[in-house]
Amino acid sequence: MDYTLPMSQALAEARRALDHDDVPIGAVLLDPDGAVVAADHNRREQKGDATAHAEMLVLAAASQAEGDWRLTGHTLVVTLEPCPMCAMAAVLARVERIVYAASDPKAGGVWSLYNIPQDERLNHRCDVVAGVCEDESRQLLEEFFASRR
């Protein structure tokens, strides 16, 4: 499947984080048919909550909307490689696939530092697709951090 369109939606969400000075990371969650069931962006600064990552917010919204914590068959699309917290949340929610744009060599929990979604010791594993719209995501993040130096 081509994940360019859902990643474009995640990038649009990421840009919304700039309105409240959050790191521009966006996520969308696709149902098994490929329809977007939740979309959000980082809200840590806005909510004063260290767990208000884009991924956590879309997983929670979808679980609430669907009335089930199991998100079997769903795909998490995110503009930056999920951190260990978000990667584990995807595993616990039984997400089928994680698609991300840019890798995160400092905090990546999907491949860069850890491989949580495919750890054979866990009772569920997620497929992983990396590098979708990577340049656009990386540029957005680099511009954000350059403006704070």
N, C-alpha and C. Protein backbone atom coordinates (compact mmCIF):
# COMPACT_ATOMS: atom_id res chain seq x y z
N MET A 1 0.84 -1.19 0.00
CA MET A 1 0.00 0.00 0.00
C MET A 1 0.89 1.25 0.00
N ASP A 2 0.42 2.28 -0.65
CA ASP A 2 1.11 3.57 -0.68
C ASP A 2 0.61 4.40 0.51
N TYR A 3 1.51 4.74 1.41
CA TYR A 3 1.14 5.49 2.62
C TYR A 3 1.41 6.99 2.49
N THR A 4 1.63 7.47 1.27
CA THR A 4 1.94 8.88 1.07
C THR A 4 0.78 9.79 1.50
N LEU A 5 -0.45 9.46 1.13
CA LEU A 5 -1.59 10.31 1.50
C LEU A 5 -1.81 10.35 3.01
N PRO A 6 -1.88 9.21 3.70
CA PRO A 6 -2.03 9.31 5.15
C PRO A 6 -0.85 10.01 5.83
N MET A 7 0.37 9.85 5.28
CA MET A 7 1.50 10.55 5.87
C MET A 7 1.36 12.05 5.63
N SER A 8 0.81 12.45 4.50
CA SER A 8 0.57 13.87 4.26
C SER A 8 -0.42 14.42 5.29
N GLN A 9 -1.41 13.62 5.65
CA GLN A 9 -2.36 14.02 6.69
C GLN A 9 -1.66 14.13 8.05
N ALA A 10 -0.76 13.21 8.33
CA ALA A 10 0.01 13.26 9.58
C ALA A 10 0.91 14.49 9.60
N LEU A 11 1.50 14.84 8.47
CA LEU A 11 2.34 16.03 8.39
C LEU A 11 1.51 17.30 8.60
N ALA A 12 0.29 17.32 8.09
CA ALA A 12 -0.60 18.47 8.33
C ALA A 12 -0.90 18.59 9.82
N GLU A 13 -1.11 17.46 10.48
CA GLU A 13 -1.32 17.47 11.93
C GLU A 13 -0.07 17.99 12.64
N ALA A 14 1.10 17.55 12.19
CA ALA A 14 2.36 17.98 12.80
C ALA A 14 2.48 19.50 12.77
N ARG A 15 2.11 20.10 11.66
CA ARG A 15 2.19 21.56 11.54
C ARG A 15 1.26 22.25 12.53
N ARG A 16 0.17 21.62 12.89
CA ARG A 16 -0.77 22.20 13.87
C ARG A 16 -0.13 22.30 15.26
N ALA A 17 0.84 21.44 15.54
CA ALA A 17 1.53 21.49 16.85
C ALA A 17 2.30 22.79 17.02
N LEU A 18 2.70 23.39 15.92
CA LEU A 18 3.46 24.64 15.99
C LEU A 18 2.63 25.76 16.60
N ASP A 19 1.31 25.68 16.47
CA ASP A 19 0.42 26.71 17.02
C ASP A 19 0.53 26.83 18.53
N HIS A 20 0.94 25.76 19.20
CA HIS A 20 1.08 25.81 20.66
C HIS A 20 2.48 25.39 21.10
N ASP A 21 3.44 25.63 20.21
CA ASP A 21 4.87 25.46 20.52
C ASP A 21 5.25 24.04 20.92
N ASP A 22 4.55 23.06 20.35
CA ASP A 22 4.91 21.66 20.58
C ASP A 22 5.80 21.18 19.44
N VAL A 23 6.58 20.15 19.69
CA VAL A 23 7.41 19.55 18.65
C VAL A 23 6.46 19.07 17.54
N PRO A 24 6.73 19.45 16.28
CA PRO A 24 5.80 19.11 15.20
C PRO A 24 5.85 17.65 14.78
N ILE A 25 5.09 16.87 15.51
CA ILE A 25 4.93 15.45 15.19
C ILE A 25 3.44 15.20 15.10
N GLY A 26 3.04 14.54 14.02
CA GLY A 26 1.63 14.24 13.81
C GLY A 26 1.43 12.76 13.56
N ALA A 27 0.21 12.30 13.83
CA ALA A 27 -0.10 10.88 13.63
C ALA A 27 -1.54 10.73 13.16
N VAL A 28 -1.76 9.70 12.38
CA VAL A 28 -3.11 9.28 12.02
C VAL A 28 -3.19 7.78 12.25
N LEU A 29 -4.38 7.32 12.55
CA LEU A 29 -4.60 5.89 12.71
C LEU A 29 -5.60 5.46 11.64
N LEU A 30 -5.23 4.44 10.88
CA LEU A 30 -6.08 3.93 9.81
C LEU A 30 -6.76 2.65 10.27
N ASP A 31 -8.03 2.49 9.94
CA ASP A 31 -8.71 1.24 10.24
C ASP A 31 -8.28 0.18 9.23
N PRO A 32 -8.73 -1.07 9.39
CA PRO A 32 -8.29 -2.12 8.47
C PRO A 32 -8.62 -1.86 7.00
N ASP A 33 -9.59 -0.98 6.73
CA ASP A 33 -9.94 -0.64 5.35
C ASP A 33 -9.16 0.56 4.83
N GLY A 34 -8.32 1.17 5.66
CA GLY A 34 -7.51 2.30 5.25
C GLY A 34 -8.13 3.66 5.52
N ALA A 35 -9.27 3.69 6.19
CA ALA A 35 -9.92 4.97 6.52
C ALA A 35 -9.30 5.55 7.80
N VAL A 36 -9.15 6.85 7.84
CA VAL A 36 -8.62 7.51 9.03
C VAL A 36 -9.68 7.48 10.13
N VAL A 37 -9.32 6.92 11.28
CA VAL A 37 -10.25 6.87 12.41
C VAL A 37 -9.85 7.84 13.52
N ALA A 38 -8.60 8.33 13.47
CA ALA A 38 -8.15 9.32 14.45
C ALA A 38 -6.95 10.05 13.88
N ALA A 39 -6.84 11.33 14.20
CA ALA A 39 -5.70 12.14 13.78
C ALA A 39 -5.41 13.15 14.88
N ASP A 40 -4.15 13.37 15.17
CA ASP A 40 -3.78 14.35 16.19
C ASP A 40 -2.29 14.66 16.05
N HIS A 41 -1.81 15.52 16.94
CA HIS A 41 -0.42 15.95 16.93
C HIS A 41 0.05 16.07 18.38
N ASN A 42 1.34 16.26 18.55
CA ASN A 42 1.88 16.41 19.90
C ASN A 42 1.16 17.54 20.63
N ARG A 43 0.83 17.29 21.89
CA ARG A 43 0.17 18.28 22.73
C ARG A 43 0.79 18.33 24.13
N ARG A 44 2.06 17.94 24.24
CA ARG A 44 2.72 17.92 25.56
C ARG A 44 2.73 19.30 26.19
N GLU A 45 3.13 20.31 25.45
CA GLU A 45 3.17 21.67 25.98
C GLU A 45 1.77 22.19 26.27
N GLN A 46 0.87 21.95 25.35
CA GLN A 46 -0.50 22.43 25.48
C GLN A 46 -1.20 21.82 26.70
N LYS A 47 -0.99 20.52 26.92
CA LYS A 47 -1.67 19.82 28.01
C LYS A 47 -0.83 19.74 29.28
N GLY A 48 0.45 20.05 29.17
CA GLY A 48 1.33 19.88 30.33
C GLY A 48 1.41 18.43 30.73
N ASP A 49 1.47 17.55 29.74
CA ASP A 49 1.41 16.10 29.97
C ASP A 49 2.50 15.42 29.14
N ALA A 50 3.44 14.81 29.80
CA ALA A 50 4.55 14.15 29.11
C ALA A 50 4.09 13.01 28.20
N THR A 51 2.90 12.47 28.45
CA THR A 51 2.41 11.36 27.64
C THR A 51 1.55 11.81 26.46
N ALA A 52 1.38 13.10 26.26
CA ALA A 52 0.51 13.60 25.19
C ALA A 52 1.23 13.64 23.85
N HIS A 53 1.81 12.51 23.49
CA HIS A 53 2.43 12.35 22.18
C HIS A 53 1.32 12.09 21.16
N ALA A 54 1.57 12.45 19.92
CA ALA A 54 0.58 12.27 18.85
C ALA A 54 0.08 10.83 18.79
N GLU A 55 1.00 9.88 18.89
CA GLU A 55 0.62 8.47 18.80
C GLU A 55 -0.30 8.05 19.93
N MET A 56 0.03 8.46 21.14
CA MET A 56 -0.78 8.10 22.30
C MET A 56 -2.19 8.68 22.16
N LEU A 57 -2.27 9.90 21.66
CA LEU A 57 -3.57 10.55 21.51
C LEU A 57 -4.44 9.86 20.48
N VAL A 58 -3.86 9.44 19.35
CA VAL A 58 -4.69 8.77 18.33
C VAL A 58 -5.08 7.37 18.77
N LEU A 59 -4.20 6.68 19.47
CA LEU A 59 -4.56 5.34 19.97
C LEU A 59 -5.71 5.45 20.97
N ALA A 60 -5.63 6.42 21.86
CA ALA A 60 -6.69 6.60 22.86
C ALA A 60 -8.00 7.01 22.20
N ALA A 61 -7.94 7.92 21.25
CA ALA A 61 -9.16 8.39 20.57
C ALA A 61 -9.83 7.25 19.81
N ALA A 62 -9.04 6.46 19.12
CA ALA A 62 -9.61 5.35 18.35
C ALA A 62 -10.20 4.28 19.27
N SER A 63 -9.51 3.98 20.35
CA SER A 63 -10.03 2.99 21.30
C SER A 63 -11.36 3.44 21.88
N GLN A 64 -11.42 4.73 22.23
CA GLN A 64 -12.67 5.26 22.78
C GLN A 64 -13.79 5.23 21.73
N ALA A 65 -13.48 5.64 20.52
CA ALA A 65 -14.49 5.68 19.46
C ALA A 65 -14.99 4.28 19.10
N GLU A 66 -14.09 3.32 19.12
CA GLU A 66 -14.46 1.96 18.73
C GLU A 66 -14.91 1.12 19.91
N GLY A 67 -14.75 1.63 21.12
CA GLY A 67 -15.20 0.90 22.30
C GLY A 67 -14.39 -0.34 22.58
N ASP A 68 -13.12 -0.34 22.17
CA ASP A 68 -12.27 -1.52 22.36
C ASP A 68 -10.82 -1.08 22.37
N TRP A 69 -10.04 -1.57 23.30
CA TRP A 69 -8.62 -1.23 23.35
C TRP A 69 -7.83 -1.97 22.29
N ARG A 70 -8.41 -3.05 21.78
CA ARG A 70 -7.74 -3.82 20.72
C ARG A 70 -7.97 -3.14 19.38
N LEU A 71 -6.90 -2.72 18.76
CA LEU A 71 -6.98 -2.05 17.46
C LEU A 71 -6.39 -2.96 16.38
N THR A 72 -6.80 -4.19 16.42
CA THR A 72 -6.33 -5.21 15.49
C THR A 72 -6.60 -4.77 14.05
N GLY A 73 -5.61 -4.90 13.21
CA GLY A 73 -5.75 -4.56 11.81
C GLY A 73 -5.51 -3.09 11.49
N HIS A 74 -5.33 -2.27 12.50
CA HIS A 74 -5.12 -0.84 12.29
C HIS A 74 -3.65 -0.54 11.96
N THR A 75 -3.45 0.62 11.33
CA THR A 75 -2.12 1.08 10.98
C THR A 75 -1.88 2.45 11.60
N LEU A 76 -0.80 2.58 12.33
CA LEU A 76 -0.39 3.84 12.94
C LEU A 76 0.61 4.51 11.99
N VAL A 77 0.26 5.72 11.54
CA VAL A 77 1.11 6.48 10.63
C VAL A 77 1.58 7.72 11.38
N VAL A 78 2.91 7.90 11.47
CA VAL A 78 3.45 8.98 12.29
C VAL A 78 4.67 9.60 11.62
N THR A 79 4.85 10.90 11.83
CA THR A 79 5.89 11.63 11.13
C THR A 79 7.30 11.41 11.67
N LEU A 80 7.43 10.89 12.87
CA LEU A 80 8.73 10.57 13.45
C LEU A 80 8.65 9.19 14.09
N GLU A 81 9.71 8.45 13.98
CA GLU A 81 9.78 7.12 14.60
C GLU A 81 9.30 7.21 16.04
N PRO A 82 8.32 6.39 16.41
CA PRO A 82 7.81 6.43 17.78
C PRO A 82 8.87 6.12 18.83
N CYS A 83 8.72 6.79 19.97
CA CYS A 83 9.59 6.55 21.12
C CYS A 83 9.22 5.20 21.74
N PRO A 84 9.97 4.72 22.71
CA PRO A 84 9.64 3.44 23.35
C PRO A 84 8.23 3.41 23.95
N MET A 85 7.79 4.51 24.57
CA MET A 85 6.44 4.54 25.16
C MET A 85 5.38 4.32 24.07
N CYS A 86 5.50 5.04 22.98
CA CYS A 86 4.50 4.97 21.92
C CYS A 86 4.59 3.64 21.16
N ALA A 87 5.80 3.15 20.96
CA ALA A 87 5.96 1.86 20.29
C ALA A 87 5.32 0.75 21.11
N MET A 88 5.52 0.78 22.43
CA MET A 88 4.93 -0.24 23.29
C MET A 88 3.41 -0.11 23.33
N ALA A 89 2.93 1.13 23.34
CA ALA A 89 1.47 1.33 23.32
C ALA A 89 0.86 0.73 22.05
N ALA A 90 1.53 0.88 20.93
CA ALA A 90 1.04 0.29 19.68
C ALA A 90 1.01 -1.23 19.77
N VAL A 91 2.04 -1.81 20.37
CA VAL A 91 2.07 -3.26 20.56
C VAL A 91 0.93 -3.70 21.47
N LEU A 92 0.77 -2.99 22.59
CA LEU A 92 -0.28 -3.35 23.55
C LEU A 92 -1.68 -3.21 22.95
N ALA A 93 -1.84 -2.26 22.02
CA ALA A 93 -3.14 -2.05 21.38
C ALA A 93 -3.37 -3.03 20.22
N ARG A 94 -2.39 -3.86 19.94
CA ARG A 94 -2.46 -4.86 18.88
C ARG A 94 -2.52 -4.24 17.48
N VAL A 95 -1.90 -3.05 17.33
CA VAL A 95 -1.83 -2.42 16.02
C VAL A 95 -1.08 -3.35 15.06
N GLU A 96 -1.55 -3.43 13.84
CA GLU A 96 -0.93 -4.34 12.88
C GLU A 96 0.36 -3.78 12.29
N ARG A 97 0.38 -2.45 12.08
CA ARG A 97 1.50 -1.88 11.35
C ARG A 97 1.82 -0.47 11.87
N ILE A 98 3.09 -0.15 11.91
CA ILE A 98 3.57 1.20 12.22
C ILE A 98 4.29 1.70 10.98
N VAL A 99 3.86 2.86 10.50
CA VAL A 99 4.49 3.52 9.35
C VAL A 99 5.03 4.84 9.85
N TYR A 100 6.32 5.10 9.63
CA TYR A 100 6.85 6.39 10.08
C TYR A 100 7.70 7.02 8.99
N ALA A 101 7.88 8.34 9.12
CA ALA A 101 8.63 9.10 8.13
C ALA A 101 10.11 9.10 8.47
N ALA A 102 10.49 9.91 9.45
CA ALA A 102 11.91 10.09 9.80
C ALA A 102 12.29 9.21 10.98
N SER A 103 13.49 8.69 10.93
CA SER A 103 13.98 7.92 12.08
C SER A 103 14.40 8.88 13.18
N ASP A 104 14.48 8.35 14.40
CA ASP A 104 14.87 9.15 15.56
C ASP A 104 16.04 8.47 16.26
N PRO A 105 17.27 8.82 15.87
CA PRO A 105 18.43 8.15 16.44
C PRO A 105 18.63 8.40 17.93
N LYS A 106 17.97 9.40 18.49
CA LYS A 106 18.14 9.70 19.92
C LYS A 106 17.09 9.04 20.80
N ALA A 107 15.91 8.74 20.24
CA ALA A 107 14.85 8.20 21.09
C ALA A 107 13.95 7.19 20.37
N GLY A 108 14.37 6.67 19.25
CA GLY A 108 13.52 5.77 18.47
C GLY A 108 13.31 4.42 19.11
N GLY A 109 12.05 4.05 19.26
CA GLY A 109 11.71 2.78 19.88
C GLY A 109 11.25 1.72 18.89
N VAL A 110 11.31 2.03 17.59
CA VAL A 110 10.87 1.08 16.57
C VAL A 110 12.05 0.43 15.87
N TRP A 111 13.14 1.20 15.71
CA TRP A 111 14.30 0.61 15.07
C TRP A 111 15.61 1.23 15.53
N SER A 112 15.66 2.55 15.67
CA SER A 112 16.93 3.23 15.91
C SER A 112 17.63 2.82 17.19
N LEU A 113 16.92 2.82 18.31
CA LEU A 113 17.51 2.40 19.59
C LEU A 113 16.99 1.04 20.04
N TYR A 114 15.73 0.81 19.80
CA TYR A 114 15.07 -0.44 20.21
C TYR A 114 14.22 -0.93 19.06
N ASN A 115 13.86 -2.20 19.10
CA ASN A 115 12.97 -2.77 18.10
C ASN A 115 11.77 -3.37 18.84
N ILE A 116 11.08 -2.52 19.57
CA ILE A 116 9.96 -2.98 20.39
C ILE A 116 8.86 -3.64 19.57
N PRO A 117 8.43 -3.08 18.46
CA PRO A 117 7.30 -3.68 17.74
C PRO A 117 7.56 -5.07 17.17
N GLN A 118 8.83 -5.45 17.04
CA GLN A 118 9.12 -6.76 16.49
C GLN A 118 9.91 -7.66 17.45
N ASP A 119 9.87 -7.30 18.72
CA ASP A 119 10.56 -8.07 19.75
C ASP A 119 9.82 -9.40 19.95
N GLU A 120 10.49 -10.48 19.67
CA GLU A 120 9.87 -11.80 19.75
C GLU A 120 9.47 -12.22 21.15
N ARG A 121 9.97 -11.51 22.16
CA ARG A 121 9.61 -11.84 23.54
C ARG A 121 8.21 -11.34 23.89
N LEU A 122 7.67 -10.44 23.09
CA LEU A 122 6.34 -9.88 23.35
C LEU A 122 5.27 -10.76 22.70
N ASN A 123 4.04 -10.62 23.19
CA ASN A 123 2.96 -11.48 22.69
C ASN A 123 2.35 -10.97 21.39
N HIS A 124 2.73 -9.78 20.93
CA HIS A 124 2.23 -9.24 19.66
C HIS A 124 3.38 -8.51 18.98
N ARG A 125 3.40 -8.58 17.67
CA ARG A 125 4.38 -7.85 16.89
C ARG A 125 3.68 -7.05 15.80
N CYS A 126 4.29 -5.92 15.44
CA CYS A 126 3.75 -5.04 14.41
C CYS A 126 4.69 -5.04 13.21
N ASP A 127 4.12 -5.00 12.03
CA ASP A 127 4.92 -4.77 10.84
C ASP A 127 5.41 -3.32 10.89
N VAL A 128 6.51 -3.03 10.23
CA VAL A 128 7.07 -1.68 10.24
C VAL A 128 7.41 -1.26 8.81
N VAL A 129 7.01 -0.03 8.48
CA VAL A 129 7.37 0.60 7.21
C VAL A 129 8.01 1.94 7.56
N ALA A 130 9.23 2.16 7.10
CA ALA A 130 9.96 3.39 7.46
C ALA A 130 10.27 4.21 6.22
N GLY A 131 10.43 5.53 6.42
CA GLY A 131 10.92 6.40 5.38
C GLY A 131 9.89 7.03 4.47
N VAL A 132 8.60 6.93 4.79
CA VAL A 132 7.55 7.53 3.95
C VAL A 132 7.55 9.04 4.19
N CYS A 133 7.79 9.82 3.15
CA CYS A 133 7.87 11.30 3.24
C CYS A 133 8.93 11.74 4.24
N GLU A 134 10.01 11.01 4.30
CA GLU A 134 11.06 11.27 5.30
C GLU A 134 11.64 12.67 5.20
N ASP A 135 11.96 13.13 4.00
CA ASP A 135 12.60 14.44 3.84
C ASP A 135 11.72 15.57 4.36
N GLU A 136 10.43 15.52 4.03
CA GLU A 136 9.52 16.58 4.48
C GLU A 136 9.41 16.60 6.00
N SER A 137 9.31 15.44 6.61
CA SER A 137 9.22 15.37 8.06
C SER A 137 10.50 15.86 8.71
N ARG A 138 11.62 15.42 8.21
CA ARG A 138 12.91 15.82 8.78
C ARG A 138 13.11 17.33 8.68
N GLN A 139 12.72 17.91 7.54
CA GLN A 139 12.87 19.35 7.35
C GLN A 139 12.02 20.12 8.36
N LEU A 140 10.79 19.68 8.55
CA LEU A 140 9.89 20.33 9.52
C LEU A 140 10.50 20.31 10.92
N LEU A 141 11.02 19.18 11.32
CA LEU A 141 11.64 19.05 12.64
C LEU A 141 12.92 19.89 12.74
N GLU A 142 13.75 19.85 11.72
CA GLU A 142 15.00 20.63 11.76
C GLU A 142 14.71 22.13 11.86
N GLU A 143 13.71 22.61 11.11
CA GLU A 143 13.35 24.03 11.18
C GLU A 143 12.83 24.40 12.57
N PHE A 144 12.04 23.52 13.15
CA PHE A 144 11.50 23.77 14.49
C PHE A 144 12.64 23.92 15.50
N PHE A 145 13.57 22.97 15.51
CA PHE A 145 14.65 23.01 16.49
C PHE A 145 15.66 24.10 16.20
N ALA A 146 15.90 24.42 14.94
CA ALA A 146 16.82 25.51 14.58
C ALA A 146 16.28 26.85 15.09
N SER A 147 14.98 27.02 15.10
CA SER A 147 14.37 28.28 15.55
C SER A 147 14.48 28.45 17.06
N ARG A 148 14.83 27.39 17.78
CA ARG A 148 14.93 27.46 19.24
C ARG A 148 16.38 27.57 19.72
N ARG A 149 17.32 27.54 18.81
CA ARG A 149 18.74 27.60 19.20
C ARG A 149 19.21 29.03 19.24
